[in-house]
Amino acid sequence: MERILALTVVVLLCVIAGLPADQAADLNARADSADPVRGVVPLPVIGYSPEDGLILGGAALFFSVPYPGAPTDTVSTNLIYGTAGTFSANLITDHRVGAGLTLQTEARAGRSVGEFFGIGMDADAEEQFTQLRLASAASLLFPLSERMRIGPSYQLSYLNVLETDAGGALETGELRGSDYTVATGPGARAVYDSRDSNVYPGRGLYADVDVRGYPFWLGSSDTFWRSRLDTRYFVSLAPSLILGGQTVLLQSGGDVPFQYLPTIGGGNTLRGVLEGRYRDSVSFSTQAELRFPLVWRFGAVAFGGAGRVASSLDALGLDDIATAAGLGLRFAVNPEQRLNIRVDLAHNGEDLSVYVNFQEAF
């Protein structure tokens, strides 16, 4: 069943109000000087999904620009509860420290109700499971040049499958990770970034290579590895008309728990396809998005994407591809910094999905 997360009540409040007029004016005035520009965007959350029931909670985005033209430091946090017994709490930071260093961290906790469809593009098992997740990760990137950064990363996570459907692959324990999984291990990242903004780019190239290993001797319940290649490209076709593209390649190897198998779908990489609907040892997805202004602080996007999973790189092909497309509405809570709330409607040929979040999908 496709998740339909409609947080419409909140966004109407934030969309109409935005930042208070005096705060916005103050931020704009300081942007013309060398003083830092700081602000916070609050977002009350009310919605509904079949898996979560009634959703209640709140979110906030804190941002800071040290000086005009500098990358935007962000802290994003949310706390959400669903009457079906689900909850999630997340804290994500992207911060410039020291002489050109970039520190990125995340801490996540949640109890979710998900669906496991099996392995491969033909999977259709559709069994439900409830899972507890505690996860944290950090990366410290050192500048090699103005546009190139490289550095170490580390991740620690704990996943515990609490409930499963009777008689399914998860209930019988035939899959790795069907009871619990501990994944802890180091990694390395290399990032090339020539974008004119890390929040709302209008031109430039971004490429992020992230490789992580989870060895048993460091405390992982299984020994495996994962890699991610994320490339993005932006071009201004006309003033305020931006075309963006993203391609993501995920690979894994070793004794991989099912939760860590590469997937396609979700609110960022392939809107309209349920996150985790397809999973295997390798996944590939690509999407394009056209961004354009409407009136006042409102903007819109048109997007489309496609993706596939396979047992190996050699097995990736153009057959049996999952596709989705849709339209989105944007509201700039801070036009100077281009900090947007986004509402996206996506269709995969069968189901309609609604996504509400801070900032762009990519």
Foldseek 3Di string as FASTA:
>chain_A
DFWAWDFPVFVVVCQVCQDPPVLLVVQVVCQVDQAKRKDKRKTWGWTATPFQGTKGWIKMKIWMDNHHQGAIWIWIWIWMHGPNGKIKTKIWTWDQDDDRKIKTKMWMWMKGKDWAQDAFLPGRNTKIWIKTKTKMKMWIWDDPDPFKTKTKMKMWMKMATDDIDPPDPLVVPVFACSGMWIFIWMKMKMWGWPFSYPFDGAFTKIWMKIKIWGDVVVPTPFTKIKIKIKIKGWHHPDVQKIKMKIKMKMAMDGRDGLVPFDWDEDDFFADADHTNPHGERMKIKMKMKIKHADDDQKIKMWMKMKMGYDHDPVPDDDPSIFIKIWMKMWGQSRVVNRWIWIWIWMHRPPDIHIDTDITHSD
